[in-house]
Amino acid sequence: PLRRESRRAEAAAAQLTAEQRALDHELAAPDRFGGSAALADALKRRADLARRIEEAEAQWFAAEEAIERAARG
């Protein structure tokens, strides 16, 4: 179960990071946004992605640490 949790959290972090990279690419060309509301929404989405990546990575690291502790006995 710990390895499954680790893989799930790692996959979630990777997916969210890919989404963040795609959004960063869009944000690099601000003329793609029709107005300040659309840009504000994109920036909020980026902040949410950053928070979710941090949470997924924390879950991943916690699962890996638990695996290591279990392996040591």
C-alpha atoms as a PDB file:
ATOM      1  CA  PRO A   1       0.000   0.000   0.000  1.00  0.00           C
ATOM      2  CA  LEU A   2       2.856   2.439   0.713  1.00  0.00           C
ATOM      3  CA  ARG A   3       4.444   1.861  -2.685  1.00  0.00           C
ATOM      4  CA  ARG A   4       1.057   2.334  -4.356  1.00  0.00           C
ATOM      5  CA  GLU A   5       0.595   5.613  -2.454  1.00  0.00           C
ATOM      6  CA  SER A   6       4.093   6.705  -3.432  1.00  0.00           C
ATOM      7  CA  ARG A   7       3.468   5.968  -7.124  1.00  0.00           C
ATOM      8  CA  ARG A   8       0.072   7.696  -7.018  1.00  0.00           C
ATOM      9  CA  ALA A   9       1.525  10.832  -5.420  1.00  0.00           C
ATOM     10  CA  GLU A  10       4.482  10.854  -7.811  1.00  0.00           C
ATOM     11  CA  ALA A  11       2.153  10.560 -10.810  1.00  0.00           C
ATOM     12  CA  ALA A  12      -0.075  13.333  -9.473  1.00  0.00           C
ATOM     13  CA  ALA A  13       2.925  15.621  -8.970  1.00  0.00           C
ATOM     14  CA  ALA A  14       4.139  14.888 -12.509  1.00  0.00           C
ATOM     15  CA  GLN A  15       0.727  15.566 -14.042  1.00  0.00           C
ATOM     16  CA  LEU A  16       0.278  18.806 -12.120  1.00  0.00           C
ATOM     17  CA  THR A  17       3.794  19.923 -13.045  1.00  0.00           C
ATOM     18  CA  ALA A  18       3.030  19.307 -16.725  1.00  0.00           C
ATOM     19  CA  GLU A  19      -0.148  21.383 -16.387  1.00  0.00           C
ATOM     20  CA  GLN A  20       1.828  24.136 -14.701  1.00  0.00           C
ATOM     21  CA  ARG A  21       4.438  24.139 -17.487  1.00  0.00           C
ATOM     22  CA  ALA A  22       1.708  24.421 -20.118  1.00  0.00           C
ATOM     23  CA  LEU A  23       0.120  27.293 -18.226  1.00  0.00           C
ATOM     24  CA  ASP A  24       3.514  28.989 -17.832  1.00  0.00           C
ATOM     25  CA  HIS A  25       3.899  28.754 -21.595  1.00  0.00           C
ATOM     26  CA  GLU A  26       0.547  30.512 -22.041  1.00  0.00           C
ATOM     27  CA  LEU A  27       1.426  33.125 -19.426  1.00  0.00           C
ATOM     28  CA  ALA A  28       4.652  33.900 -21.298  1.00  0.00           C
ATOM     29  CA  ALA A  29       2.449  35.354 -24.048  1.00  0.00           C
ATOM     30  CA  PRO A  30       0.029  37.553 -22.079  1.00  0.00           C
ATOM     31  CA  ASP A  31      -1.555  38.829 -25.296  1.00  0.00           C
ATOM     32  CA  ARG A  32      -3.256  35.420 -25.450  1.00  0.00           C
ATOM     33  CA  PHE A  33      -5.569  36.566 -22.680  1.00  0.00           C
ATOM     34  CA  GLY A  34      -8.523  38.675 -23.697  1.00  0.00           C
ATOM     35  CA  GLY A  35      -8.560  40.822 -20.611  1.00  0.00           C
ATOM     36  CA  SER A  36      -7.346  41.263 -17.101  1.00  0.00           C
ATOM     37  CA  ALA A  37     -10.013  38.896 -15.723  1.00  0.00           C
ATOM     38  CA  ALA A  38      -8.739  36.038 -17.906  1.00  0.00           C
ATOM     39  CA  LEU A  39      -5.161  36.768 -16.878  1.00  0.00           C
ATOM     40  CA  ALA A  40      -6.178  36.918 -13.217  1.00  0.00           C
ATOM     41  CA  ASP A  41      -7.927  33.561 -13.568  1.00  0.00           C
ATOM     42  CA  ALA A  42      -4.807  32.042 -15.150  1.00  0.00           C
ATOM     43  CA  LEU A  43      -2.627  33.379 -12.340  1.00  0.00           C
ATOM     44  CA  LYS A  44      -5.021  31.967  -9.738  1.00  0.00           C
ATOM     45  CA  ARG A  45      -4.905  28.618 -11.540  1.00  0.00           C
ATOM     46  CA  ARG A  46      -1.108  28.711 -11.453  1.00  0.00           C
ATOM     47  CA  ALA A  47      -1.095  29.394  -7.716  1.00  0.00           C
ATOM     48  CA  ASP A  48      -3.523  26.515  -7.190  1.00  0.00           C
ATOM     49  CA  LEU A  49      -1.322  24.195  -9.258  1.00  0.00           C
ATOM     50  CA  ALA A  50       1.742  25.203  -7.246  1.00  0.00           C
ATOM     51  CA  ARG A  51      -0.092  24.431  -4.011  1.00  0.00           C
ATOM     52  CA  ARG A  52      -1.328  21.077  -5.295  1.00  0.00           C
ATOM     53  CA  ILE A  53       2.158  20.137  -6.550  1.00  0.00           C
ATOM     54  CA  GLU A  54       3.573  20.917  -3.115  1.00  0.00           C
ATOM     55  CA  GLU A  55       0.919  18.735  -1.465  1.00  0.00           C
ATOM     56  CA  ALA A  56       1.483  15.832  -3.882  1.00  0.00           C
ATOM     57  CA  GLU A  57       5.244  16.019  -3.388  1.00  0.00           C
ATOM     58  CA  ALA A  58       4.820  16.063   0.391  1.00  0.00           C
ATOM     59  CA  GLN A  59       2.617  12.943   0.170  1.00  0.00           C
ATOM     60  CA  TRP A  60       5.160  11.283  -2.101  1.00  0.00           C
ATOM     61  CA  PHE A  61       8.068  12.033   0.245  1.00  0.00           C
ATOM     62  CA  ALA A  62       6.076  10.902   3.275  1.00  0.00           C
ATOM     63  CA  ALA A  63       5.241   7.603   1.590  1.00  0.00           C
ATOM     64  CA  GLU A  64       8.871   7.093   0.590  1.00  0.00           C
ATOM     65  CA  GLU A  65      10.020   7.792   4.152  1.00  0.00           C
ATOM     66  CA  ALA A  66       7.457   5.313   5.488  1.00  0.00           C
ATOM     67  CA  ILE A  67       8.725   2.707   3.021  1.00  0.00           C
ATOM     68  CA  GLU A  68      12.299   3.288   4.198  1.00  0.00           C
ATOM     69  CA  ARG A  69      11.276   3.026   7.872  1.00  0.00           C
ATOM     70  CA  ALA A  70       9.388  -0.210   7.181  1.00  0.00           C
ATOM     71  CA  ALA A  71      12.390  -1.642   5.335  1.00  0.00           C
ATOM     72  CA  ARG A  72      14.667  -0.910   8.304  1.00  0.00           C
ATOM     73  CA  GLY A  73      12.465  -2.845  10.570  1.00  0.00           C
END
